[in-house]
């Protein structure tokens, strides 16, 4: 009986999240067949967790986290087909690393939180991460100095990271009591 309910819940989650998770993986991995393999294994991990009886509070977060790890495993084990261009400039390596290494990161949630608290910081994040502008161009568009933009962004990143790690709304699993 529990397996039937688990299967139904899984199917609902799958139907609700499939398109977004598939697009995420497809943007990170090619060819399409490899992305589909990673997608299948990601959902298989979710199903196994559900069968084990664990309560997953944020299934979308869980799926993104598993997908990130499976993508990393793929690139770690896959032979390099083409040499990477080491001359690709990374505009703001520290901020990029902070965002990419946060397993609970969801762009929409963060942007919604920023929009409700500080419109200037929201605009900085939107222009820099949403539109892909450099910090210099973001500052110019907002009529601010680059150092002001950087400090607002780093303060917001620190605050968001703390909020995401301490807030139970962003937890992947329910804590045992």
N, C-alpha and C. Protein backbone atom coordinates (compact mmCIF):
# COMPACT_ATOMS: atom_id res chain seq x y z
N UNK A 1 0.83 -1.20 0.00
CA UNK A 1 0.00 0.00 0.00
C UNK A 1 0.87 1.26 0.00
N UNK A 2 1.93 1.25 0.85
CA UNK A 2 2.82 2.41 0.91
C UNK A 2 3.56 2.59 -0.40
N UNK A 3 3.91 1.47 -1.05
CA UNK A 3 4.61 1.56 -2.33
C UNK A 3 3.74 2.20 -3.41
N UNK A 4 2.44 1.95 -3.37
CA UNK A 4 1.52 2.55 -4.34
C UNK A 4 1.44 4.05 -4.12
N UNK A 5 1.32 4.46 -2.86
CA UNK A 5 1.28 5.90 -2.54
C UNK A 5 2.61 6.56 -2.92
N UNK A 6 3.72 5.89 -2.65
CA UNK A 6 5.03 6.42 -3.01
C UNK A 6 5.13 6.57 -4.52
N UNK A 7 4.65 5.57 -5.24
CA UNK A 7 4.69 5.62 -6.71
C UNK A 7 3.86 6.79 -7.24
N UNK A 8 2.68 6.98 -6.67
CA UNK A 8 1.81 8.09 -7.10
C UNK A 8 2.46 9.45 -6.80
N UNK A 9 3.03 9.57 -5.61
CA UNK A 9 3.69 10.81 -5.23
C UNK A 9 4.88 11.07 -6.15
N UNK A 10 5.65 10.02 -6.42
CA UNK A 10 6.79 10.15 -7.33
C UNK A 10 6.34 10.61 -8.71
N UNK A 11 5.28 10.01 -9.23
CA UNK A 11 4.79 10.38 -10.56
C UNK A 11 4.35 11.85 -10.60
N UNK A 12 3.72 12.31 -9.53
CA UNK A 12 3.31 13.71 -9.46
C UNK A 12 4.53 14.63 -9.47
N UNK A 13 5.54 14.28 -8.65
CA UNK A 13 6.77 15.07 -8.60
C UNK A 13 7.47 15.06 -9.95
N UNK A 14 7.53 13.91 -10.56
CA UNK A 14 8.17 13.75 -11.87
C UNK A 14 7.49 14.66 -12.90
N UNK A 15 6.17 14.60 -12.96
CA UNK A 15 5.42 15.41 -13.93
C UNK A 15 5.57 16.90 -13.67
N UNK A 16 5.68 17.28 -12.39
CA UNK A 16 5.80 18.69 -12.03
C UNK A 16 7.20 19.25 -12.29
N UNK A 17 8.23 18.41 -12.18
CA UNK A 17 9.60 18.92 -12.23
C UNK A 17 10.40 18.49 -13.46
N UNK A 18 9.90 17.53 -14.22
CA UNK A 18 10.67 16.94 -15.32
C UNK A 18 11.26 17.97 -16.28
N UNK A 19 10.41 18.84 -16.79
CA UNK A 19 10.86 19.79 -17.82
C UNK A 19 11.99 20.68 -17.31
N UNK A 20 11.85 21.21 -16.11
CA UNK A 20 12.86 22.11 -15.56
C UNK A 20 14.18 21.39 -15.29
N UNK A 21 14.10 20.20 -14.70
CA UNK A 21 15.31 19.44 -14.39
C UNK A 21 16.00 19.00 -15.68
N UNK A 22 15.22 18.57 -16.65
CA UNK A 22 15.79 18.15 -17.94
C UNK A 22 16.51 19.31 -18.63
N UNK A 23 15.88 20.48 -18.64
CA UNK A 23 16.52 21.66 -19.26
C UNK A 23 17.81 22.00 -18.53
N UNK A 24 17.79 21.94 -17.21
CA UNK A 24 18.99 22.25 -16.42
C UNK A 24 20.13 21.32 -16.82
N UNK A 25 19.86 20.03 -16.85
CA UNK A 25 20.89 19.04 -17.17
C UNK A 25 21.35 19.21 -18.61
N UNK A 26 20.42 19.42 -19.51
CA UNK A 26 20.75 19.57 -20.93
C UNK A 26 21.63 20.79 -21.19
N UNK A 27 21.46 21.84 -20.39
CA UNK A 27 22.31 23.02 -20.52
C UNK A 27 23.74 22.74 -20.07
N UNK A 28 23.89 21.79 -19.16
CA UNK A 28 25.20 21.51 -18.59
C UNK A 28 25.94 20.37 -19.31
N UNK A 29 25.21 19.48 -19.98
CA UNK A 29 25.81 18.28 -20.54
C UNK A 29 25.34 18.07 -21.98
N UNK A 30 26.26 17.63 -22.79
CA UNK A 30 25.89 17.17 -24.12
C UNK A 30 26.74 15.95 -24.40
N UNK A 31 26.30 15.02 -25.14
CA UNK A 31 25.14 14.98 -26.01
C UNK A 31 23.83 14.74 -25.23
N UNK A 32 22.76 14.83 -25.97
CA UNK A 32 21.42 14.69 -25.41
C UNK A 32 21.25 13.35 -24.68
N UNK A 33 21.82 12.30 -25.23
CA UNK A 33 21.70 10.96 -24.63
C UNK A 33 22.33 10.92 -23.23
N UNK A 34 23.47 11.57 -23.09
CA UNK A 34 24.13 11.61 -21.78
C UNK A 34 23.27 12.38 -20.78
N UNK A 35 22.70 13.50 -21.23
CA UNK A 35 21.81 14.28 -20.37
C UNK A 35 20.62 13.44 -19.93
N UNK A 36 20.08 12.65 -20.84
CA UNK A 36 18.94 11.81 -20.51
C UNK A 36 19.33 10.71 -19.51
N UNK A 37 20.53 10.16 -19.64
CA UNK A 37 21.01 9.17 -18.67
C UNK A 37 21.14 9.79 -17.28
N UNK A 38 21.70 10.98 -17.22
CA UNK A 38 21.84 11.67 -15.94
C UNK A 38 20.47 11.98 -15.34
N UNK A 39 19.56 12.42 -16.19
CA UNK A 39 18.19 12.71 -15.74
C UNK A 39 17.54 11.45 -15.16
N UNK A 40 17.67 10.34 -15.86
CA UNK A 40 17.09 9.09 -15.39
C UNK A 40 17.68 8.68 -14.04
N UNK A 41 18.97 8.78 -13.90
CA UNK A 41 19.62 8.41 -12.64
C UNK A 41 19.26 9.37 -11.50
N UNK A 42 19.05 10.64 -11.84
CA UNK A 42 18.64 11.63 -10.85
C UNK A 42 17.27 11.27 -10.28
N UNK A 43 16.33 10.95 -11.16
CA UNK A 43 15.00 10.57 -10.69
C UNK A 43 15.01 9.21 -10.00
N UNK A 44 15.89 8.33 -10.41
CA UNK A 44 16.02 7.04 -9.74
C UNK A 44 16.49 7.24 -8.29
N UNK A 45 17.43 8.16 -8.08
CA UNK A 45 17.88 8.47 -6.72
C UNK A 45 16.72 9.00 -5.87
N UNK A 46 15.90 9.86 -6.46
CA UNK A 46 14.73 10.39 -5.74
C UNK A 46 13.79 9.25 -5.37
N UNK A 47 13.52 8.38 -6.31
CA UNK A 47 12.59 7.27 -6.07
C UNK A 47 13.11 6.35 -4.97
N UNK A 48 14.41 6.06 -4.99
CA UNK A 48 15.00 5.21 -3.96
C UNK A 48 14.87 5.86 -2.58
N UNK A 49 15.11 7.17 -2.50
CA UNK A 49 14.97 7.88 -1.22
C UNK A 49 13.53 7.79 -0.72
N UNK A 50 12.59 7.95 -1.66
CA UNK A 50 11.18 7.90 -1.27
C UNK A 50 10.81 6.50 -0.79
N UNK A 51 11.30 5.47 -1.46
CA UNK A 51 11.02 4.09 -1.05
C UNK A 51 11.62 3.76 0.31
N UNK A 52 12.74 4.41 0.64
CA UNK A 52 13.38 4.15 1.93
C UNK A 52 12.60 4.78 3.09
N UNK A 53 11.62 5.61 2.75
CA UNK A 53 10.78 6.22 3.78
C UNK A 53 11.21 7.59 4.22
N UNK A 54 12.27 8.14 3.64
CA UNK A 54 12.72 9.48 4.03
C UNK A 54 11.74 10.53 3.51
N UNK A 55 11.51 11.54 4.31
CA UNK A 55 10.66 12.65 3.91
C UNK A 55 11.54 13.70 3.23
N UNK A 56 11.22 14.00 2.02
CA UNK A 56 11.98 15.00 1.28
C UNK A 56 11.14 16.27 1.26
N UNK A 57 11.61 17.28 1.98
CA UNK A 57 10.83 18.50 2.13
C UNK A 57 10.83 19.36 0.87
N UNK A 58 11.96 19.41 0.19
CA UNK A 58 12.10 20.25 -1.01
C UNK A 58 12.58 19.37 -2.17
N UNK A 59 11.67 18.64 -2.81
CA UNK A 59 12.07 17.70 -3.86
C UNK A 59 12.81 18.36 -5.02
N UNK A 60 12.43 19.57 -5.38
CA UNK A 60 13.10 20.26 -6.48
C UNK A 60 14.56 20.56 -6.10
N UNK A 61 14.78 21.00 -4.88
CA UNK A 61 16.14 21.23 -4.40
C UNK A 61 16.93 19.93 -4.42
N UNK A 62 16.29 18.87 -3.95
CA UNK A 62 16.96 17.56 -3.92
C UNK A 62 17.36 17.15 -5.34
N UNK A 63 16.44 17.29 -6.29
CA UNK A 63 16.72 16.89 -7.68
C UNK A 63 17.85 17.71 -8.29
N UNK A 64 17.85 19.02 -8.05
CA UNK A 64 18.92 19.88 -8.57
C UNK A 64 20.26 19.47 -7.96
N UNK A 65 20.27 19.20 -6.66
CA UNK A 65 21.50 18.80 -5.98
C UNK A 65 22.03 17.49 -6.55
N UNK A 66 21.15 16.52 -6.72
CA UNK A 66 21.57 15.23 -7.27
C UNK A 66 22.06 15.42 -8.70
N UNK A 67 21.35 16.22 -9.48
CA UNK A 67 21.76 16.47 -10.87
C UNK A 67 23.15 17.12 -10.91
N UNK A 68 23.38 18.10 -10.04
CA UNK A 68 24.70 18.75 -9.99
C UNK A 68 25.79 17.72 -9.71
N UNK A 69 25.53 16.86 -8.75
CA UNK A 69 26.54 15.85 -8.38
C UNK A 69 26.76 14.85 -9.50
N UNK A 70 25.70 14.45 -10.16
CA UNK A 70 25.84 13.49 -11.27
C UNK A 70 26.56 14.13 -12.46
N UNK A 71 26.30 15.40 -12.70
CA UNK A 71 27.00 16.12 -13.77
C UNK A 71 28.48 16.22 -13.44
N UNK A 72 28.78 16.54 -12.19
CA UNK A 72 30.19 16.62 -11.77
C UNK A 72 30.86 15.26 -11.92
N UNK A 73 30.18 14.18 -11.54
CA UNK A 73 30.73 12.84 -11.70
C UNK A 73 30.99 12.54 -13.18
N UNK A 74 30.06 12.94 -14.02
CA UNK A 74 30.21 12.70 -15.46
C UNK A 74 31.48 13.39 -15.99
N UNK A 75 31.65 14.66 -15.65
CA UNK A 75 32.81 15.39 -16.15
C UNK A 75 34.12 14.92 -15.50
N UNK A 76 34.03 14.42 -14.28
CA UNK A 76 35.21 13.92 -13.61
C UNK A 76 35.71 12.64 -14.28
N UNK A 77 34.78 11.81 -14.76
CA UNK A 77 35.16 10.52 -15.34
C UNK A 77 35.22 10.52 -16.86
N UNK A 78 34.58 11.47 -17.50
CA UNK A 78 34.55 11.49 -18.97
C UNK A 78 35.89 11.98 -19.52
N UNK A 79 36.36 11.35 -20.60
CA UNK A 79 37.61 11.84 -21.21
C UNK A 79 37.35 13.18 -21.88
N UNK A 80 38.33 14.06 -21.82
CA UNK A 80 38.20 15.38 -22.45
C UNK A 80 38.25 15.20 -23.96
N UNK A 81 37.20 15.68 -24.64
CA UNK A 81 37.15 15.57 -26.09
C UNK A 81 37.91 16.70 -26.77
N UNK A 82 37.78 17.88 -26.21
CA UNK A 82 38.45 19.05 -26.78
C UNK A 82 39.20 19.76 -25.66
N UNK A 83 40.34 20.34 -25.97
CA UNK A 83 41.02 21.10 -24.92
C UNK A 83 40.21 22.33 -24.55
N UNK A 84 40.17 22.61 -23.26
CA UNK A 84 39.45 23.79 -22.80
C UNK A 84 40.30 25.03 -23.03
N UNK A 85 39.65 26.11 -23.36
CA UNK A 85 40.34 27.37 -23.56
C UNK A 85 40.58 28.01 -22.20
N UNK A 86 41.83 28.07 -21.79
CA UNK A 86 42.16 28.63 -20.48
C UNK A 86 42.10 30.15 -20.47
N UNK A 87 41.84 30.76 -21.61
CA UNK A 87 41.83 32.21 -21.69
C UNK A 87 40.44 32.80 -21.57
N UNK A 88 39.47 32.01 -21.16
CA UNK A 88 38.12 32.53 -21.00
C UNK A 88 38.10 33.37 -19.72
N UNK A 89 37.77 34.65 -19.83
CA UNK A 89 37.78 35.48 -18.63
C UNK A 89 36.56 35.20 -17.74
N UNK A 90 36.80 35.06 -16.46
CA UNK A 90 35.72 34.93 -15.51
C UNK A 90 35.65 36.27 -14.79
N UNK A 91 34.52 36.91 -14.95
CA UNK A 91 34.36 38.27 -14.48
C UNK A 91 34.55 38.38 -12.98
N UNK A 92 33.84 37.57 -12.23
CA UNK A 92 33.89 37.66 -10.79
C UNK A 92 33.93 36.24 -10.23
N UNK A 93 35.11 35.70 -10.16
CA UNK A 93 35.30 34.31 -9.81
C UNK A 93 34.78 33.97 -8.41
N UNK A 94 35.02 34.84 -7.45
CA UNK A 94 34.61 34.56 -6.08
C UNK A 94 33.08 34.48 -5.95
N UNK A 95 32.37 35.41 -6.56
CA UNK A 95 30.90 35.40 -6.49
C UNK A 95 30.35 34.20 -7.25
N UNK A 96 30.93 33.91 -8.41
CA UNK A 96 30.49 32.77 -9.20
C UNK A 96 30.69 31.47 -8.42
N UNK A 97 31.84 31.32 -7.79
CA UNK A 97 32.13 30.12 -7.01
C UNK A 97 31.16 29.99 -5.83
N UNK A 98 30.87 31.10 -5.19
CA UNK A 98 29.93 31.08 -4.06
C UNK A 98 28.57 30.57 -4.50
N UNK A 99 28.08 31.05 -5.62
CA UNK A 99 26.77 30.63 -6.10
C UNK A 99 26.77 29.19 -6.59
N UNK A 100 27.79 28.80 -7.33
CA UNK A 100 27.82 27.46 -7.90
C UNK A 100 28.03 26.37 -6.86
N UNK A 101 28.71 26.68 -5.77
CA UNK A 101 28.99 25.66 -4.76
C UNK A 101 27.89 25.54 -3.72
N UNK A 102 26.89 26.36 -3.79
CA UNK A 102 25.79 26.30 -2.84
C UNK A 102 24.77 25.28 -3.35
N UNK A 103 24.70 24.12 -2.70
CA UNK A 103 23.84 23.04 -3.15
C UNK A 103 22.36 23.38 -3.09
N UNK A 104 21.98 24.34 -2.25
CA UNK A 104 20.56 24.65 -2.11
C UNK A 104 20.16 25.86 -2.95
N UNK A 105 21.04 26.32 -3.77
CA UNK A 105 20.80 27.51 -4.57
C UNK A 105 19.64 27.33 -5.54
N UNK A 106 18.67 28.21 -5.48
CA UNK A 106 17.62 28.30 -6.49
C UNK A 106 17.45 29.77 -6.84
N UNK A 107 17.76 30.10 -8.06
CA UNK A 107 17.79 31.47 -8.53
C UNK A 107 16.47 32.19 -8.26
N UNK A 108 15.35 31.55 -8.58
CA UNK A 108 14.05 32.21 -8.43
C UNK A 108 13.77 32.57 -6.97
N UNK A 109 14.09 31.66 -6.06
CA UNK A 109 13.85 31.93 -4.63
C UNK A 109 14.68 33.10 -4.15
N UNK A 110 15.93 33.13 -4.54
CA UNK A 110 16.83 34.20 -4.12
C UNK A 110 16.38 35.54 -4.70
N UNK A 111 16.03 35.54 -5.97
CA UNK A 111 15.60 36.80 -6.58
C UNK A 111 14.30 37.30 -5.95
N UNK A 112 13.39 36.40 -5.62
CA UNK A 112 12.14 36.80 -4.97
C UNK A 112 12.43 37.41 -3.60
N UNK A 113 13.34 36.78 -2.84
CA UNK A 113 13.71 37.32 -1.52
C UNK A 113 14.37 38.69 -1.65
N UNK A 114 15.27 38.84 -2.62
CA UNK A 114 15.95 40.12 -2.82
C UNK A 114 14.96 41.22 -3.23
N UNK A 115 14.03 40.87 -4.11
CA UNK A 115 13.07 41.85 -4.60
C UNK A 115 12.20 42.39 -3.45
N UNK A 116 11.92 41.53 -2.47
CA UNK A 116 11.08 41.93 -1.35
C UNK A 116 11.84 42.76 -0.31
N UNK A 117 13.18 42.66 -0.30
CA UNK A 117 13.93 43.37 0.75
C UNK A 117 14.66 44.60 0.23
N UNK A 118 15.44 44.47 -0.83
CA UNK A 118 16.28 45.57 -1.27
C UNK A 118 16.29 45.64 -2.80
N UNK A 119 15.62 46.63 -3.34
CA UNK A 119 15.46 46.73 -4.79
C UNK A 119 16.80 47.00 -5.49
N UNK A 120 17.70 47.73 -4.87
CA UNK A 120 19.00 48.01 -5.48
C UNK A 120 19.81 46.73 -5.63
N UNK A 121 19.86 45.94 -4.58
CA UNK A 121 20.59 44.68 -4.64
C UNK A 121 19.92 43.73 -5.63
N UNK A 122 18.60 43.74 -5.67
CA UNK A 122 17.87 42.93 -6.66
C UNK A 122 18.30 43.31 -8.07
N UNK A 123 18.40 44.61 -8.35
CA UNK A 123 18.80 45.06 -9.69
C UNK A 123 20.24 44.64 -10.01
N UNK A 124 21.10 44.70 -9.00
CA UNK A 124 22.49 44.27 -9.20
C UNK A 124 22.52 42.79 -9.58
N UNK A 125 21.82 41.96 -8.82
CA UNK A 125 21.80 40.53 -9.11
C UNK A 125 21.16 40.26 -10.46
N UNK A 126 20.08 40.95 -10.76
CA UNK A 126 19.41 40.73 -12.05
C UNK A 126 20.33 41.06 -13.21
N UNK A 127 20.97 42.21 -13.16
CA UNK A 127 21.85 42.60 -14.26
C UNK A 127 23.09 41.71 -14.36
N UNK A 128 23.67 41.36 -13.20
CA UNK A 128 24.91 40.57 -13.22
C UNK A 128 24.65 39.10 -13.53
N UNK A 129 23.73 38.47 -12.78
CA UNK A 129 23.49 37.04 -12.96
C UNK A 129 22.40 36.74 -13.98
N UNK A 130 21.36 37.56 -14.00
CA UNK A 130 20.26 37.32 -14.93
C UNK A 130 20.58 37.70 -16.36
N UNK A 131 21.23 38.86 -16.54
CA UNK A 131 21.54 39.35 -17.88
C UNK A 131 22.98 39.06 -18.29
N UNK A 132 23.81 38.68 -17.33
CA UNK A 132 25.18 38.33 -17.66
C UNK A 132 26.12 39.52 -17.84
N UNK A 133 25.74 40.68 -17.33
CA UNK A 133 26.61 41.86 -17.44
C UNK A 133 27.79 41.75 -16.47
N UNK A 134 28.88 42.36 -16.86
CA UNK A 134 30.04 42.42 -15.96
C UNK A 134 29.69 43.36 -14.80
N UNK A 135 30.49 43.30 -13.75
CA UNK A 135 30.25 44.20 -12.62
C UNK A 135 30.43 45.66 -13.04
N UNK A 136 31.40 45.89 -13.93
CA UNK A 136 31.64 47.24 -14.43
C UNK A 136 30.40 47.77 -15.16
N UNK A 137 29.86 46.94 -16.06
CA UNK A 137 28.68 47.38 -16.83
C UNK A 137 27.45 47.51 -15.93
N UNK A 138 27.32 46.60 -14.97
CA UNK A 138 26.21 46.67 -14.02
C UNK A 138 26.26 47.99 -13.26
N UNK A 139 27.45 48.35 -12.78
CA UNK A 139 27.62 49.61 -12.05
C UNK A 139 27.27 50.80 -12.94
N UNK A 140 27.74 50.75 -14.17
CA UNK A 140 27.48 51.85 -15.11
C UNK A 140 25.98 52.00 -15.38
N UNK A 141 25.29 50.88 -15.58
CA UNK A 141 23.85 50.92 -15.85
C UNK A 141 23.04 51.45 -14.66
N UNK A 142 23.54 51.17 -13.46
CA UNK A 142 22.83 51.62 -12.25
C UNK A 142 23.30 52.99 -11.76
N UNK A 143 24.32 53.54 -12.42
CA UNK A 143 24.84 54.84 -12.01
C UNK A 143 25.55 54.78 -10.66
N UNK A 144 26.25 53.68 -10.41
CA UNK A 144 26.96 53.48 -9.15
C UNK A 144 28.42 53.20 -9.45
N UNK A 145 29.24 53.25 -8.42
CA UNK A 145 30.63 52.86 -8.62
C UNK A 145 30.72 51.34 -8.58
N UNK A 146 31.76 50.82 -9.21
CA UNK A 146 31.94 49.38 -9.24
C UNK A 146 32.17 48.82 -7.84
N UNK A 147 32.88 49.55 -7.01
CA UNK A 147 33.13 49.07 -5.64
C UNK A 147 31.84 49.00 -4.83
N UNK A 148 30.92 49.93 -5.05
CA UNK A 148 29.63 49.90 -4.35
C UNK A 148 28.84 48.67 -4.77
N UNK A 149 28.84 48.40 -6.08
CA UNK A 149 28.12 47.23 -6.60
C UNK A 149 28.72 45.95 -6.00
N UNK A 150 30.05 45.86 -5.99
CA UNK A 150 30.71 44.67 -5.43
C UNK A 150 30.36 44.49 -3.97
N UNK A 151 30.46 45.55 -3.19
CA UNK A 151 30.22 45.41 -1.75
C UNK A 151 28.76 45.04 -1.48
N UNK A 152 27.82 45.62 -2.20
CA UNK A 152 26.40 45.27 -2.02
C UNK A 152 26.17 43.80 -2.39
N UNK A 153 26.81 43.37 -3.47
CA UNK A 153 26.63 42.00 -3.92
C UNK A 153 27.24 41.02 -2.92
N UNK A 154 28.45 41.28 -2.45
CA UNK A 154 29.10 40.36 -1.51
C UNK A 154 28.38 40.31 -0.17
N UNK A 155 27.88 41.46 0.28
CA UNK A 155 27.10 41.46 1.52
C UNK A 155 25.84 40.63 1.35
N UNK A 156 25.17 40.80 0.21
CA UNK A 156 23.94 40.04 -0.05
C UNK A 156 24.25 38.55 -0.18
N UNK A 157 25.37 38.21 -0.83
CA UNK A 157 25.75 36.80 -0.97
C UNK A 157 26.00 36.17 0.40
N UNK A 158 26.70 36.89 1.27
CA UNK A 158 26.96 36.37 2.62
C UNK A 158 25.67 36.18 3.39
N UNK A 159 24.80 37.16 3.31
CA UNK A 159 23.52 37.10 4.01
C UNK A 159 22.67 35.95 3.47
N UNK A 160 22.62 35.80 2.14
CA UNK A 160 21.84 34.73 1.53
C UNK A 160 22.40 33.36 1.88
N UNK A 161 23.70 33.25 1.85
CA UNK A 161 24.33 31.96 2.19
C UNK A 161 23.99 31.57 3.62
N UNK A 162 24.07 32.54 4.53
CA UNK A 162 23.73 32.27 5.93
C UNK A 162 22.26 31.89 6.06
N UNK A 163 21.41 32.63 5.37
CA UNK A 163 19.98 32.36 5.41
C UNK A 163 19.67 30.97 4.85
N UNK A 164 20.31 30.62 3.76
CA UNK A 164 20.04 29.32 3.13
C UNK A 164 20.54 28.15 3.97
N UNK A 165 21.62 28.34 4.68
CA UNK A 165 22.15 27.24 5.50
C UNK A 165 21.42 27.11 6.82
N UNK A 166 20.82 28.18 7.31
CA UNK A 166 20.15 28.14 8.60
C UNK A 166 18.64 27.97 8.50
N UNK A 167 18.06 28.32 7.37
CA UNK A 167 16.61 28.32 7.21
C UNK A 167 16.10 26.91 6.90
N UNK A 168 15.19 26.41 7.71
CA UNK A 168 14.67 25.06 7.50
C UNK A 168 13.85 24.96 6.21
N UNK A 169 13.35 26.08 5.68
CA UNK A 169 12.60 26.04 4.42
C UNK A 169 13.47 25.57 3.27
N UNK A 170 14.79 25.67 3.41
CA UNK A 170 15.69 25.28 2.33
C UNK A 170 16.33 23.93 2.58
N UNK A 171 15.93 23.23 3.64
CA UNK A 171 16.52 21.94 3.96
C UNK A 171 16.04 20.89 2.96
N UNK A 172 16.92 19.94 2.66
CA UNK A 172 16.55 18.86 1.75
C UNK A 172 15.79 17.75 2.45
N UNK A 173 16.12 17.52 3.71
CA UNK A 173 15.49 16.45 4.46
C UNK A 173 14.99 16.99 5.79
N UNK A 174 13.96 16.33 6.29
CA UNK A 174 13.42 16.71 7.59
C UNK A 174 14.38 16.24 8.67
N UNK A 175 14.64 17.10 9.63
CA UNK A 175 15.52 16.72 10.73
C UNK A 175 14.79 15.75 11.65
N UNK A 176 15.50 14.75 12.15
CA UNK A 176 14.90 13.81 13.09
C UNK A 176 14.79 14.50 14.46
N UNK A 177 13.77 14.21 15.15
CA UNK A 177 13.49 14.87 16.42
C UNK A 177 13.96 14.03 17.57
